[in-house]
Amino acid sequence: MTKRWDKYSAWFTPPDVAEQGCWAAAQVGVSPETVIDLGAGAGSILSRAPHVWPRAHLAALEIREEERPHLDRWAHEVVIGDFREVVNLGLDCGGGGPRLLIGNPPYGASDDDEADDLTTQALHWGFRVLSPGDWILFLLRKSYEEGEAASHFFSPASEGGRSPLCDFRVQGRAQFRRGVNAAGNRLSGDFIGHRWVLWRVGVHPQFWKSAALPPLPSSSLSYAIRPGTELVAGKLHEGLRPRFPELAEVSALLPDGGSRTA
C-alpha cells in the first residue's frame, strides 16, 4: 500500500469543491446513470453528487476498509480494494447507461516500482474499463499535465492521445488534509492549484476548453470536520454553482460521440 493511502496520509476533498466539480460537469452535458468514485475516502464527493444527479446509481471504490461505514451512508454500492487489482468495474451499474468515473485520485509514485505515478495509473485504468461515451472527471494538480507520463492524456486523437474535453480551474488553494502524521507532526495543507479535468471516452478534440469556477469562500476550500462524516450532507450555495455559456461548443461535442475539434 502506498503512503498516499495510509490512515495518516489520507486526503479528503472539501465537499463544496466536490460539488462545484459536479455542477461544472453537468453544465457541459454530463448526465450519468452511474457515478463511480475512485479513491472515495469517506464519501465527500458521493455525499454531494445527488444534488446534481439525483437519480444516479452511486458506487464507491476505496482501498481502506475503515472507510466502509462512512461510504455505506452515501453510496448504493461499496467496493473495498486497490483499483489496480479490479479487472473490471464489478459493480451493479443500475440501468447500464453512461457512467462517470469521478475522483480526487492518488498522487505520487507507487511503492511497487511501477514507472507511472498513481494518477496516471488511475487514468489508464479508467480508459481501460470504461466504454465509449462514458466520462472521467478527476481533480488534478494544475502541474500534472507537465509530466511526461501525463502527455498521452493531453494530446489529441490525431496524435494518438486522449485529450480532455475541458477543464475547470478551482479558484484559490484547497486544503485536502488535516490533523497529525504518525510522528505527531501537524499536516500542512496542499496549497498547489487544482482543476477538474473532464474526459469523454472516444471524444478527444484537437483543443480543449478551459474555464474558471466561481471563487469559493476560504472556509469551503478546507474543512472543519472529516468530509463524508457529516450528520447531513451540506449543499453548495446556488450562487456558487458554475455557469459556462462560453462552453456551449463542448456540449455540442457530447451527443454524437464524434472526435471533432472543439
C-alpha atoms as a PDB file:
ATOM      1  CA  MET A   1       0.000   0.000   0.000  1.00  0.00           C
ATOM      2  CA  THR A   2       1.343   3.430  -0.864  1.00  0.00           C
ATOM      3  CA  LYS A   3       1.717   6.045   1.857  1.00  0.00           C
ATOM      4  CA  ARG A   4      -0.706   8.238  -0.078  1.00  0.00           C
ATOM      5  CA  TRP A   5      -3.473   5.947   1.128  1.00  0.00           C
ATOM      6  CA  ASP A   6      -2.415   5.049   4.652  1.00  0.00           C
ATOM      7  CA  LYS A   7      -4.511   6.195   7.590  1.00  0.00           C
ATOM      8  CA  TYR A   8      -2.239   9.127   8.392  1.00  0.00           C
ATOM      9  CA  SER A   9      -1.740  10.465   4.886  1.00  0.00           C
ATOM     10  CA  ALA A  10      -5.308  10.127   3.610  1.00  0.00           C
ATOM     11  CA  TRP A  11      -6.534  13.282   1.920  1.00  0.00           C
ATOM     12  CA  PHE A  12     -10.171  14.348   1.687  1.00  0.00           C
ATOM     13  CA  THR A  13     -11.834  16.603  -0.866  1.00  0.00           C
ATOM     14  CA  PRO A  14     -13.650  19.573   0.697  1.00  0.00           C
ATOM     15  CA  PRO A  15     -17.349  18.927  -0.051  1.00  0.00           C
ATOM     16  CA  ASP A  16     -18.033  22.307  -1.688  1.00  0.00           C
ATOM     17  CA  VAL A  17     -15.056  21.769  -4.014  1.00  0.00           C
ATOM     18  CA  ALA A  18     -16.525  18.360  -4.856  1.00  0.00           C
ATOM     19  CA  GLU A  19     -19.991  19.688  -5.576  1.00  0.00           C
ATOM     20  CA  GLN A  20     -18.678  22.527  -7.724  1.00  0.00           C
ATOM     21  CA  GLY A  21     -16.901  19.981  -9.897  1.00  0.00           C
ATOM     22  CA  CYS A  22     -20.122  18.015 -10.334  1.00  0.00           C
ATOM     23  CA  TRP A  23     -22.115  21.111 -11.273  1.00  0.00           C
ATOM     24  CA  ALA A  24     -19.401  22.144 -13.747  1.00  0.00           C
ATOM     25  CA  ALA A  25     -19.603  18.778 -15.491  1.00  0.00           C
ATOM     26  CA  ALA A  26     -23.400  18.966 -15.604  1.00  0.00           C
ATOM     27  CA  GLN A  27     -23.129  22.386 -17.271  1.00  0.00           C
ATOM     28  CA  VAL A  28     -21.478  20.809 -20.320  1.00  0.00           C
ATOM     29  CA  GLY A  29     -23.935  17.952 -20.595  1.00  0.00           C
ATOM     30  CA  VAL A  30     -22.575  15.223 -18.308  1.00  0.00           C
ATOM     31  CA  SER A  31     -25.605  13.194 -17.216  1.00  0.00           C
ATOM     32  CA  PRO A  32     -24.530   9.751 -15.967  1.00  0.00           C
ATOM     33  CA  GLU A  33     -26.723   6.894 -14.834  1.00  0.00           C
ATOM     34  CA  THR A  34     -23.869   5.651 -12.644  1.00  0.00           C
ATOM     35  CA  VAL A  35     -21.297   7.688 -10.712  1.00  0.00           C
ATOM     36  CA  ILE A  36     -18.203   5.769  -9.573  1.00  0.00           C
ATOM     37  CA  ASP A  37     -15.876   7.493  -7.121  1.00  0.00           C
ATOM     38  CA  LEU A  38     -12.282   6.197  -7.356  1.00  0.00           C
ATOM     39  CA  GLY A  39     -10.499   6.671  -4.043  1.00  0.00           C
ATOM     40  CA  ALA A  40     -13.781   7.629  -2.427  1.00  0.00           C
ATOM     41  CA  GLY A  41     -12.376   8.182   1.066  1.00  0.00           C
ATOM     42  CA  ALA A  42     -15.209   8.933   3.461  1.00  0.00           C
ATOM     43  CA  GLY A  43     -17.528   9.904   0.605  1.00  0.00           C
ATOM     44  CA  SER A  44     -17.405  13.678   0.318  1.00  0.00           C
ATOM     45  CA  ILE A  45     -17.974  13.564  -3.460  1.00  0.00           C
ATOM     46  CA  LEU A  46     -20.728  10.957  -3.269  1.00  0.00           C
ATOM     47  CA  SER A  47     -22.479  12.847  -0.478  1.00  0.00           C
ATOM     48  CA  ARG A  48     -22.912  15.815  -2.831  1.00  0.00           C
ATOM     49  CA  ALA A  49     -23.395  14.105  -6.203  1.00  0.00           C
ATOM     50  CA  PRO A  50     -27.159  13.538  -5.629  1.00  0.00           C
ATOM     51  CA  HIS A  51     -27.677  17.309  -5.586  1.00  0.00           C
ATOM     52  CA  VAL A  52     -26.593  17.309  -9.230  1.00  0.00           C
ATOM     53  CA  TRP A  53     -27.634  13.831 -10.440  1.00  0.00           C
ATOM     54  CA  PRO A  54     -30.440  12.734  -8.082  1.00  0.00           C
ATOM     55  CA  ARG A  55     -31.281   9.540  -9.986  1.00  0.00           C
ATOM     56  CA  ALA A  56     -27.745   8.251 -10.482  1.00  0.00           C
ATOM     57  CA  HIS A  57     -26.539   4.955  -9.034  1.00  0.00           C
ATOM     58  CA  LEU A  58     -23.619   5.789  -6.707  1.00  0.00           C
ATOM     59  CA  ALA A  59     -20.675   3.423  -6.335  1.00  0.00           C
ATOM     60  CA  ALA A  60     -17.542   3.815  -4.229  1.00  0.00           C
ATOM     61  CA  LEU A  61     -14.123   2.266  -4.865  1.00  0.00           C
ATOM     62  CA  GLU A  62     -11.817   2.732  -1.870  1.00  0.00           C
ATOM     63  CA  ILE A  63      -8.729   0.915  -0.613  1.00  0.00           C
ATOM     64  CA  ARG A  64      -9.252   1.416   3.123  1.00  0.00           C
ATOM     65  CA  GLU A  65     -11.685  -0.850   4.907  1.00  0.00           C
ATOM     66  CA  GLU A  66     -12.105   1.687   7.726  1.00  0.00           C
ATOM     67  CA  GLU A  67     -13.975   3.980   5.334  1.00  0.00           C
ATOM     68  CA  ARG A  68     -16.755   1.468   4.676  1.00  0.00           C
ATOM     69  CA  PRO A  69     -19.107   2.707   7.437  1.00  0.00           C
ATOM     70  CA  HIS A  70     -18.913   6.229   6.011  1.00  0.00           C
ATOM     71  CA  LEU A  71     -19.316   5.125   2.403  1.00  0.00           C
ATOM     72  CA  ASP A  72     -22.293   2.932   3.246  1.00  0.00           C
ATOM     73  CA  ARG A  73     -24.135   6.135   4.149  1.00  0.00           C
ATOM     74  CA  TRP A  74     -23.681   7.740   0.750  1.00  0.00           C
ATOM     75  CA  ALA A  75     -23.164   5.000  -1.842  1.00  0.00           C
ATOM     76  CA  HIS A  76     -25.530   2.355  -3.166  1.00  0.00           C
ATOM     77  CA  GLU A  77     -22.551   0.063  -3.585  1.00  0.00           C
ATOM     78  CA  VAL A  78     -19.098  -0.064  -1.973  1.00  0.00           C
ATOM     79  CA  VAL A  79     -16.050  -1.960  -3.261  1.00  0.00           C
ATOM     80  CA  ILE A  80     -13.016  -2.063  -0.951  1.00  0.00           C
ATOM     81  CA  GLY A  81      -9.769  -2.728  -2.783  1.00  0.00           C
ATOM     82  CA  ASP A  82      -6.909  -1.349  -4.858  1.00  0.00           C
ATOM     83  CA  PHE A  83      -8.274  -0.062  -8.167  1.00  0.00           C
ATOM     84  CA  ARG A  84      -5.274  -1.571  -9.971  1.00  0.00           C
ATOM     85  CA  GLU A  85      -6.456  -5.020  -8.961  1.00  0.00           C
ATOM     86  CA  VAL A  86     -10.005  -4.535 -10.230  1.00  0.00           C
ATOM     87  CA  VAL A  87     -10.110  -6.223 -13.633  1.00  0.00           C
ATOM     88  CA  ASN A  88     -13.491  -4.727 -14.453  1.00  0.00           C
ATOM     89  CA  LEU A  89     -15.761  -2.450 -12.515  1.00  0.00           C
ATOM     90  CA  GLY A  90     -17.617  -5.381 -10.991  1.00  0.00           C
ATOM     91  CA  LEU A  91     -20.382  -3.048  -9.895  1.00  0.00           C
ATOM     92  CA  ASP A  92     -24.133  -3.141 -10.161  1.00  0.00           C
ATOM     93  CA  CYS A  93     -24.407  -0.285 -12.594  1.00  0.00           C
ATOM     94  CA  GLY A  94     -28.128   0.190 -12.468  1.00  0.00           C
ATOM     95  CA  GLY A  95     -29.671   0.739 -15.877  1.00  0.00           C
ATOM     96  CA  GLY A  96     -26.409   0.251 -17.742  1.00  0.00           C
ATOM     97  CA  GLY A  97     -26.381   3.774 -19.156  1.00  0.00           C
ATOM     98  CA  PRO A  98     -23.415   6.159 -19.338  1.00  0.00           C
ATOM     99  CA  ARG A  99     -21.025   6.095 -16.415  1.00  0.00           C
ATOM    100  CA  LEU A 100     -18.972   8.828 -14.793  1.00  0.00           C
ATOM    101  CA  LEU A 101     -15.695   7.907 -13.112  1.00  0.00           C
ATOM    102  CA  ILE A 102     -15.005  10.750 -10.715  1.00  0.00           C
ATOM    103  CA  GLY A 103     -12.416  11.320  -8.045  1.00  0.00           C
ATOM    104  CA  ASN A 104      -9.517  13.101  -6.459  1.00  0.00           C
ATOM    105  CA  PRO A 105      -7.056  10.367  -7.486  1.00  0.00           C
ATOM    106  CA  PRO A 106      -3.926   9.462  -5.538  1.00  0.00           C
ATOM    107  CA  TYR A 107      -0.811  11.439  -6.352  1.00  0.00           C
ATOM    108  CA  GLY A 108       2.811  10.460  -6.314  1.00  0.00           C
ATOM    109  CA  ALA A 109       4.817   7.373  -7.083  1.00  0.00           C
ATOM    110  CA  SER A 110       3.707   3.848  -6.369  1.00  0.00           C
ATOM    111  CA  ASP A 111       5.549   1.691  -3.861  1.00  0.00           C
ATOM    112  CA  ASP A 112       5.556  -1.102  -6.451  1.00  0.00           C
ATOM    113  CA  ASP A 113       8.423   0.204  -8.628  1.00  0.00           C
ATOM    114  CA  GLU A 114       5.998   0.935 -11.446  1.00  0.00           C
ATOM    115  CA  ALA A 115       7.006   3.538 -13.984  1.00  0.00           C
ATOM    116  CA  ASP A 116       3.801   5.596 -13.886  1.00  0.00           C
ATOM    117  CA  ASP A 117       2.628   7.638 -10.924  1.00  0.00           C
ATOM    118  CA  LEU A 118      -0.679   6.680  -9.332  1.00  0.00           C
ATOM    119  CA  THR A 119      -2.659   9.443 -11.025  1.00  0.00           C
ATOM    120  CA  THR A 120      -1.509   8.257 -14.448  1.00  0.00           C
ATOM    121  CA  GLN A 121      -2.294   4.672 -13.496  1.00  0.00           C
ATOM    122  CA  ALA A 122      -5.792   5.745 -12.461  1.00  0.00           C
ATOM    123  CA  LEU A 123      -6.359   7.394 -15.849  1.00  0.00           C
ATOM    124  CA  HIS A 124      -5.083   4.369 -17.761  1.00  0.00           C
ATOM    125  CA  TRP A 125      -7.352   2.155 -15.656  1.00  0.00           C
ATOM    126  CA  GLY A 126     -10.369   4.359 -16.303  1.00  0.00           C
ATOM    127  CA  PHE A 127      -9.929   4.307 -20.063  1.00  0.00           C
ATOM    128  CA  ARG A 128      -9.407   0.556 -19.953  1.00  0.00           C
ATOM    129  CA  VAL A 129     -12.561  -0.336 -18.002  1.00  0.00           C
ATOM    130  CA  LEU A 130     -14.970   2.323 -19.285  1.00  0.00           C
ATOM    131  CA  SER A 131     -16.833   2.281 -22.593  1.00  0.00           C
ATOM    132  CA  PRO A 132     -17.075   4.858 -25.392  1.00  0.00           C
ATOM    133  CA  GLY A 133     -19.383   7.628 -24.272  1.00  0.00           C
ATOM    134  CA  ASP A 134     -18.517   7.290 -20.570  1.00  0.00           C
ATOM    135  CA  TRP A 135     -16.863  10.189 -18.731  1.00  0.00           C
ATOM    136  CA  ILE A 136     -13.869  10.699 -16.437  1.00  0.00           C
ATOM    137  CA  LEU A 137     -13.783  13.729 -14.136  1.00  0.00           C
ATOM    138  CA  PHE A 138     -10.643  13.970 -11.983  1.00  0.00           C
ATOM    139  CA  LEU A 139      -9.464  16.693  -9.643  1.00  0.00           C
ATOM    140  CA  LEU A 140      -5.806  17.151 -10.596  1.00  0.00           C
ATOM    141  CA  ARG A 141      -2.944  19.401  -9.696  1.00  0.00           C
ATOM    142  CA  LYS A 142      -2.559  22.112 -12.315  1.00  0.00           C
ATOM    143  CA  SER A 143       1.006  20.976 -12.886  1.00  0.00           C
ATOM    144  CA  TYR A 144       0.054  17.362 -13.607  1.00  0.00           C
ATOM    145  CA  GLU A 145      -0.011  17.661 -17.409  1.00  0.00           C
ATOM    146  CA  GLU A 146       3.578  18.915 -17.422  1.00  0.00           C
ATOM    147  CA  GLY A 147       4.856  15.436 -16.579  1.00  0.00           C
ATOM    148  CA  GLU A 148       5.987  13.150 -19.373  1.00  0.00           C
ATOM    149  CA  ALA A 149       3.715  10.303 -18.261  1.00  0.00           C
ATOM    150  CA  ALA A 150       0.668  12.573 -18.465  1.00  0.00           C
ATOM    151  CA  SER A 151       1.258  13.806 -22.019  1.00  0.00           C
ATOM    152  CA  HIS A 152      -0.832  10.986 -23.503  1.00  0.00           C
ATOM    153  CA  PHE A 153      -3.922  12.353 -21.747  1.00  0.00           C
ATOM    154  CA  PHE A 154      -3.430  15.898 -23.006  1.00  0.00           C
ATOM    155  CA  SER A 155      -2.668  15.099 -26.646  1.00  0.00           C
ATOM    156  CA  PRO A 156      -5.414  14.931 -29.312  1.00  0.00           C
ATOM    157  CA  ALA A 157      -6.557  11.764 -31.034  1.00  0.00           C
ATOM    158  CA  SER A 158      -4.773  12.926 -34.194  1.00  0.00           C
ATOM    159  CA  GLU A 159      -1.511  12.457 -32.267  1.00  0.00           C
ATOM    160  CA  GLY A 160      -2.555   9.164 -30.702  1.00  0.00           C
ATOM    161  CA  GLY A 161      -3.568  10.773 -27.429  1.00  0.00           C
ATOM    162  CA  ARG A 162      -6.666  11.096 -25.264  1.00  0.00           C
ATOM    163  CA  SER A 163      -7.145  14.803 -24.784  1.00  0.00           C
ATOM    164  CA  PRO A 164      -9.862  16.093 -22.431  1.00  0.00           C
ATOM    165  CA  LEU A 165     -12.987  17.977 -23.411  1.00  0.00           C
ATOM    166  CA  CYS A 166     -12.379  20.779 -20.925  1.00  0.00           C
ATOM    167  CA  ASP A 167     -11.072  21.706 -17.514  1.00  0.00           C
ATOM    168  CA  PHE A 168     -12.478  23.778 -14.653  1.00  0.00           C
ATOM    169  CA  ARG A 169      -9.997  25.695 -12.521  1.00  0.00           C
ATOM    170  CA  VAL A 170     -10.519  25.798  -8.749  1.00  0.00           C
ATOM    171  CA  GLN A 171     -10.004  29.363  -7.561  1.00  0.00           C
ATOM    172  CA  GLY A 172      -7.737  29.593  -4.543  1.00  0.00           C
ATOM    173  CA  ARG A 173      -5.836  26.826  -2.790  1.00  0.00           C
ATOM    174  CA  ALA A 174      -7.775  23.851  -1.493  1.00  0.00           C
ATOM    175  CA  GLN A 175      -6.637  22.075   1.661  1.00  0.00           C
ATOM    176  CA  PHE A 176      -7.069  18.305   1.479  1.00  0.00           C
ATOM    177  CA  ARG A 177      -5.765  17.111   4.804  1.00  0.00           C
ATOM    178  CA  ARG A 178      -5.857  17.988   8.487  1.00  0.00           C
ATOM    179  CA  GLY A 179      -4.585  16.543  11.720  1.00  0.00           C
ATOM    180  CA  VAL A 180      -1.213  14.985  12.529  1.00  0.00           C
ATOM    181  CA  ASN A 181       1.029  12.353  10.962  1.00  0.00           C
ATOM    182  CA  ALA A 182       2.376   9.152  12.517  1.00  0.00           C
ATOM    183  CA  ALA A 183       5.076  11.130  14.325  1.00  0.00           C
ATOM    184  CA  GLY A 184       2.519  13.534  15.753  1.00  0.00           C
ATOM    185  CA  ASN A 185       3.509  16.430  13.499  1.00  0.00           C
ATOM    186  CA  ARG A 186       0.775  18.647  12.118  1.00  0.00           C
ATOM    187  CA  LEU A 187      -0.114  18.029   8.475  1.00  0.00           C
ATOM    188  CA  SER A 188       0.061  21.008   6.174  1.00  0.00           C
ATOM    189  CA  GLY A 189      -2.465  21.871   3.504  1.00  0.00           C
ATOM    190  CA  ASP A 190      -1.929  21.133  -0.154  1.00  0.00           C
ATOM    191  CA  PHE A 191      -1.514  24.652  -1.454  1.00  0.00           C
ATOM    192  CA  ILE A 192      -0.884  23.720  -5.085  1.00  0.00           C
ATOM    193  CA  GLY A 193      -3.502  24.913  -7.552  1.00  0.00           C
ATOM    194  CA  HIS A 194      -6.048  22.352  -8.752  1.00  0.00           C
ATOM    195  CA  ARG A 195      -8.537  21.908 -11.546  1.00  0.00           C
ATOM    196  CA  TRP A 196     -11.222  19.444 -12.508  1.00  0.00           C
ATOM    197  CA  VAL A 197     -10.413  17.827 -15.871  1.00  0.00           C
ATOM    198  CA  LEU A 198     -13.181  16.191 -17.908  1.00  0.00           C
ATOM    199  CA  TRP A 199     -12.638  13.464 -20.484  1.00  0.00           C
ATOM    200  CA  ARG A 200     -15.184  11.536 -22.548  1.00  0.00           C
ATOM    201  CA  VAL A 201     -14.040   8.132 -23.741  1.00  0.00           C
ATOM    202  CA  GLY A 202     -13.757   8.227 -27.530  1.00  0.00           C
ATOM    203  CA  VAL A 203     -14.032  12.034 -27.813  1.00  0.00           C
ATOM    204  CA  HIS A 204     -10.565  13.605 -27.919  1.00  0.00           C
ATOM    205  CA  PRO A 205     -10.532  17.018 -29.630  1.00  0.00           C
ATOM    206  CA  GLN A 206      -7.568  18.878 -31.041  1.00  0.00           C
ATOM    207  CA  PHE A 207      -8.028  21.622 -28.464  1.00  0.00           C
ATOM    208  CA  TRP A 208      -9.931  21.675 -25.201  1.00  0.00           C
ATOM    209  CA  LYS A 209     -11.724  24.448 -23.392  1.00  0.00           C
ATOM    210  CA  SER A 210     -10.841  25.898 -20.011  1.00  0.00           C
ATOM    211  CA  ALA A 211     -12.947  27.887 -17.555  1.00  0.00           C
ATOM    212  CA  ALA A 212     -12.604  29.217 -14.017  1.00  0.00           C
ATOM    213  CA  LEU A 213     -15.018  28.100 -11.324  1.00  0.00           C
ATOM    214  CA  PRO A 214     -16.670  30.754  -9.152  1.00  0.00           C
ATOM    215  CA  PRO A 215     -14.450  31.647  -6.185  1.00  0.00           C
ATOM    216  CA  LEU A 216     -15.374  29.752  -3.033  1.00  0.00           C
ATOM    217  CA  PRO A 217     -15.154  31.215   0.466  1.00  0.00           C
ATOM    218  CA  SER A 218     -11.921  30.222   2.194  1.00  0.00           C
ATOM    219  CA  SER A 219     -13.931  28.074   4.593  1.00  0.00           C
ATOM    220  CA  SER A 220     -15.167  25.990   1.631  1.00  0.00           C
ATOM    221  CA  LEU A 221     -11.622  25.295   0.443  1.00  0.00           C
ATOM    222  CA  SER A 222     -10.905  23.399   3.632  1.00  0.00           C
ATOM    223  CA  TYR A 223     -12.994  21.521   6.182  1.00  0.00           C
ATOM    224  CA  ALA A 224     -13.685  21.658   9.894  1.00  0.00           C
ATOM    225  CA  ILE A 225     -14.733  18.019  10.243  1.00  0.00           C
ATOM    226  CA  ARG A 226     -13.757  14.943   8.266  1.00  0.00           C
ATOM    227  CA  PRO A 227     -15.622  15.188   4.911  1.00  0.00           C
ATOM    228  CA  GLY A 228     -18.197  12.468   4.445  1.00  0.00           C
ATOM    229  CA  THR A 229     -18.812  12.057   8.173  1.00  0.00           C
ATOM    230  CA  GLU A 230     -21.327  14.913   8.453  1.00  0.00           C
ATOM    231  CA  LEU A 231     -24.677  14.105  10.028  1.00  0.00           C
ATOM    232  CA  VAL A 232     -26.395  15.635   6.995  1.00  0.00           C
ATOM    233  CA  ALA A 233     -24.862  16.340   3.605  1.00  0.00           C
ATOM    234  CA  GLY A 234     -24.397  20.039   3.030  1.00  0.00           C
ATOM    235  CA  LYS A 235     -25.342  21.836  -0.146  1.00  0.00           C
ATOM    236  CA  LEU A 236     -23.458  24.329  -2.277  1.00  0.00           C
ATOM    237  CA  HIS A 237     -24.992  27.798  -2.312  1.00  0.00           C
ATOM    238  CA  GLU A 238     -26.761  28.342  -5.625  1.00  0.00           C
ATOM    239  CA  GLY A 239     -24.725  31.475  -6.272  1.00  0.00           C
ATOM    240  CA  LEU A 240     -21.541  29.392  -6.255  1.00  0.00           C
ATOM    241  CA  ARG A 241     -22.729  26.974  -8.929  1.00  0.00           C
ATOM    242  CA  PRO A 242     -20.779  27.421 -12.160  1.00  0.00           C
ATOM    243  CA  ARG A 243     -22.452  28.558 -15.353  1.00  0.00           C
ATOM    244  CA  PHE A 244     -20.467  28.370 -18.566  1.00  0.00           C
ATOM    245  CA  PRO A 245     -22.210  29.814 -21.631  1.00  0.00           C
ATOM    246  CA  GLU A 246     -18.752  30.039 -23.208  1.00  0.00           C
ATOM    247  CA  LEU A 247     -18.516  26.223 -23.150  1.00  0.00           C
ATOM    248  CA  ALA A 248     -21.504  25.633 -25.409  1.00  0.00           C
ATOM    249  CA  GLU A 249     -19.145  24.152 -28.008  1.00  0.00           C
ATOM    250  CA  VAL A 250     -18.187  21.443 -25.514  1.00  0.00           C
ATOM    251  CA  SER A 251     -21.827  20.477 -25.053  1.00  0.00           C
ATOM    252  CA  ALA A 252     -22.147  20.187 -28.819  1.00  0.00           C
ATOM    253  CA  LEU A 253     -19.469  17.501 -28.794  1.00  0.00           C
ATOM    254  CA  LEU A 254     -21.360  15.214 -26.480  1.00  0.00           C
ATOM    255  CA  PRO A 255     -24.448  13.829 -28.227  1.00  0.00           C
ATOM    256  CA  ASP A 256     -22.849  12.071 -31.201  1.00  0.00           C
ATOM    257  CA  GLY A 257     -19.597  10.927 -29.576  1.00  0.00           C
ATOM    258  CA  GLY A 258     -17.581  12.200 -32.552  1.00  0.00           C
ATOM    259  CA  SER A 259     -13.958  13.236 -32.294  1.00  0.00           C
ATOM    260  CA  ARG A 260     -14.185  16.800 -33.541  1.00  0.00           C
ATOM    261  CA  THR A 261     -12.219  19.919 -32.822  1.00  0.00           C
ATOM    262  CA  ALA A 262     -13.717  21.992 -30.024  1.00  0.00           C
END
